[in-house]
C-alpha atoms as a PDB file:
ATOM      1  CA  MET A   1       6.889   8.475 -10.459  1.00  0.00           C
ATOM      2  CA  LYS A   2       4.230   4.865 -10.204  1.00  0.00           C
ATOM      3  CA  ILE A   3       3.260   3.302  -7.306  1.00  0.00           C
ATOM      4  CA  ILE A   4       1.490  -0.150  -7.329  1.00  0.00           C
ATOM      5  CA  ILE A   5      -0.286  -1.293  -3.875  1.00  0.00           C
ATOM      6  CA  GLU A   6      -1.542  -4.844  -3.846  1.00  0.00           C
ATOM      7  CA  ILE A   7      -3.558  -6.291  -1.083  1.00  0.00           C
ATOM      8  CA  LYS A   8      -4.297 -10.102  -1.011  1.00  0.00           C
ATOM      9  CA  GLY A   9      -7.013 -11.099   2.236  1.00  0.00           C
ATOM     10  CA  ILE A  10      -9.519  -9.676   4.467  1.00  0.00           C
ATOM     11  CA  ASN A  11      -8.540  -6.578   2.962  1.00  0.00           C
ATOM     12  CA  SER A  12      -7.867  -7.174  -1.086  1.00  0.00           C
ATOM     13  CA  ALA A  13      -7.252  -3.627  -2.889  1.00  0.00           C
ATOM     14  CA  SER A  14      -5.451  -3.248  -6.124  1.00  0.00           C
ATOM     15  CA  LEU A  15      -4.208   0.196  -7.233  1.00  0.00           C
ATOM     16  CA  VAL A  16      -2.056   1.904  -9.335  1.00  0.00           C
ATOM     17  CA  ILE A  17      -1.095   5.758  -8.408  1.00  0.00           C
ATOM     18  CA  GLU A  18       0.826   7.561 -11.548  1.00  0.00           C
ATOM     19  CA  ASN A  19       0.518  11.076 -13.197  1.00  0.00           C
ATOM     20  CA  ASN A  20      -1.989  11.983 -10.046  1.00  0.00           C
ATOM     21  CA  MET A  21      -4.335   9.591 -10.967  1.00  0.00           C
ATOM     22  CA  ILE A  22      -5.602   6.588  -8.939  1.00  0.00           C
ATOM     23  CA  ASN A  23      -6.246   3.528 -11.461  1.00  0.00           C
ATOM     24  CA  ASN A  24      -6.498   5.809 -14.323  1.00  0.00           C
ATOM     25  CA  GLU A  25     -10.220   6.801 -12.436  1.00  0.00           C
ATOM     26  CA  LYS A  26      -9.716   8.989  -9.957  1.00  0.00           C
ATOM     27  CA  GLU A  27      -7.911  12.423 -10.344  1.00  0.00           C
ATOM     28  CA  ILE A  28      -5.654  12.782  -6.546  1.00  0.00           C
ATOM     29  CA  ASN A  29      -3.319  15.954  -5.328  1.00  0.00           C
ATOM     30  CA  GLN A  30       0.210  15.772  -4.411  1.00  0.00           C
ATOM     31  CA  ASP A  31      -0.555  16.297  -0.908  1.00  0.00           C
ATOM     32  CA  VAL A  32      -2.499  12.765  -0.744  1.00  0.00           C
ATOM     33  CA  ILE A  33       0.360  11.084  -2.095  1.00  0.00           C
ATOM     34  CA  ASN A  34       2.850  12.749   0.040  1.00  0.00           C
ATOM     35  CA  GLU A  35       0.584  11.235   3.136  1.00  0.00           C
ATOM     36  CA  LEU A  36       1.279   7.956   1.612  1.00  0.00           C
ATOM     37  CA  PHE A  37       4.585   8.292   1.418  1.00  0.00           C
ATOM     38  CA  ARG A  38       4.266   9.587   4.929  1.00  0.00           C
ATOM     39  CA  ILE A  39       2.939   6.386   5.995  1.00  0.00           C
ATOM     40  CA  ILE A  40       5.210   4.270   4.468  1.00  0.00           C
ATOM     41  CA  ARG A  41       8.507   6.070   4.867  1.00  0.00           C
ATOM     42  CA  LEU A  42       9.708   4.244   7.563  1.00  0.00           C
ATOM     43  CA  TRP A  43       8.838   0.382   6.726  1.00  0.00           C
ATOM     44  CA  LYS A  44      11.382  -2.024   5.806  1.00  0.00           C
ATOM     45  CA  ASN A  45      11.528  -3.844   2.655  1.00  0.00           C
ATOM     46  CA  GLU A  46      10.146  -7.734   3.773  1.00  0.00           C
ATOM     47  CA  TYR A  47       7.958  -8.448   6.615  1.00  0.00           C
ATOM     48  CA  GLY A  48       8.547 -11.881   6.477  1.00  0.00           C
ATOM     49  CA  ASN A  49       5.517 -14.562   6.141  1.00  0.00           C
ATOM     50  CA  SER A  50       2.732 -15.826   8.362  1.00  0.00           C
ATOM     51  CA  ASN A  51       1.398 -19.222   7.582  1.00  0.00           C
ATOM     52  CA  LYS A  52      -1.800 -18.080   9.790  1.00  0.00           C
ATOM     53  CA  LEU A  53      -5.421 -18.368   8.228  1.00  0.00           C
ATOM     54  CA  ASP A  54      -6.442 -15.092   6.516  1.00  0.00           C
ATOM     55  CA  GLN A  55      -3.685 -12.894   6.865  1.00  0.00           C
ATOM     56  CA  ASP A  56      -3.226 -10.016   4.276  1.00  0.00           C
ATOM     57  CA  GLU A  57      -0.752  -9.517   2.062  1.00  0.00           C
ATOM     58  CA  PHE A  58       0.793  -6.971   0.744  1.00  0.00           C
ATOM     59  CA  TYR A  59       2.688  -5.737  -2.357  1.00  0.00           C
ATOM     60  CA  ILE A  60       3.612  -1.969  -2.431  1.00  0.00           C
ATOM     61  CA  ASN A  61       5.940  -1.507  -5.240  1.00  0.00           C
ATOM     62  CA  VAL A  62       7.365   2.427  -5.580  1.00  0.00           C
ATOM     63  CA  ASP A  63       9.752   2.742  -9.409  1.00  0.00           C
ATOM     64  CA  GLY A  64      10.642  -0.600  -8.652  1.00  0.00           C
ATOM     65  CA  ASP A  65      11.081  -0.646  -4.504  1.00  0.00           C
ATOM     66  CA  ILE A  66       9.231  -3.409  -3.226  1.00  0.00           C
ATOM     67  CA  ILE A  67       7.613  -3.572   0.428  1.00  0.00           C
ATOM     68  CA  HIS A  68       5.922  -7.162   1.504  1.00  0.00           C
ATOM     69  CA  GLY A  69       4.679  -9.129   3.986  1.00  0.00           C
ATOM     70  CA  LYS A  70       2.439 -11.498   4.710  1.00  0.00           C
ATOM     71  CA  GLY A  71       1.004 -11.654   8.079  1.00  0.00           C
ATOM     72  CA  VAL A  72       3.484  -9.563   9.477  1.00  0.00           C
ATOM     73  CA  TYR A  73       2.960  -5.612   9.362  1.00  0.00           C
ATOM     74  CA  PRO A  74       4.741  -2.479  10.286  1.00  0.00           C
ATOM     75  CA  ASN A  75       3.040  -0.541  13.331  1.00  0.00           C
ATOM     76  CA  ASN A  76       0.903   1.849  10.968  1.00  0.00           C
ATOM     77  CA  TYR A  77      -0.348  -0.803   8.133  1.00  0.00           C
ATOM     78  CA  LYS A  78      -3.981  -0.125   9.799  1.00  0.00           C
ATOM     79  CA  GLU A  79      -3.258   4.028   8.779  1.00  0.00           C
ATOM     80  CA  LEU A  80      -2.367   2.079   5.241  1.00  0.00           C
ATOM     81  CA  LEU A  81      -5.490   0.600   4.620  1.00  0.00           C
ATOM     82  CA  ASP A  82      -7.813   3.754   6.149  1.00  0.00           C
ATOM     83  CA  TRP A  83      -5.554   6.119   3.216  1.00  0.00           C
ATOM     84  CA  ILE A  84      -7.033   3.570   0.968  1.00  0.00           C
ATOM     85  CA  ARG A  85     -10.577   3.358   2.157  1.00  0.00           C
ATOM     86  CA  ILE A  86     -10.865   7.169   1.969  1.00  0.00           C
ATOM     87  CA  TYR A  87      -8.826   7.594  -1.076  1.00  0.00           C
ATOM     88  CA  ALA A  88      -8.977   4.602  -3.562  1.00  0.00           C
END
């Protein structure tokens, strides 16, 4: 399984999770990946676009399934940002 997370904007981040490694540098266990899935499991594929300034645009690709939004976020988007700060 391959997971790609790209966030462009104020909270910029770019990471690839594959073979229990983040960016081929940091090893993580399955519990950490399960936590990520818990965060995003109910997210829609598309959240739309906002033209407001300084808005994050995010892409999450899980084996070809894409979740996207720009300036429009799921309710627990901050949880994803916190997860990235801890594990990336």
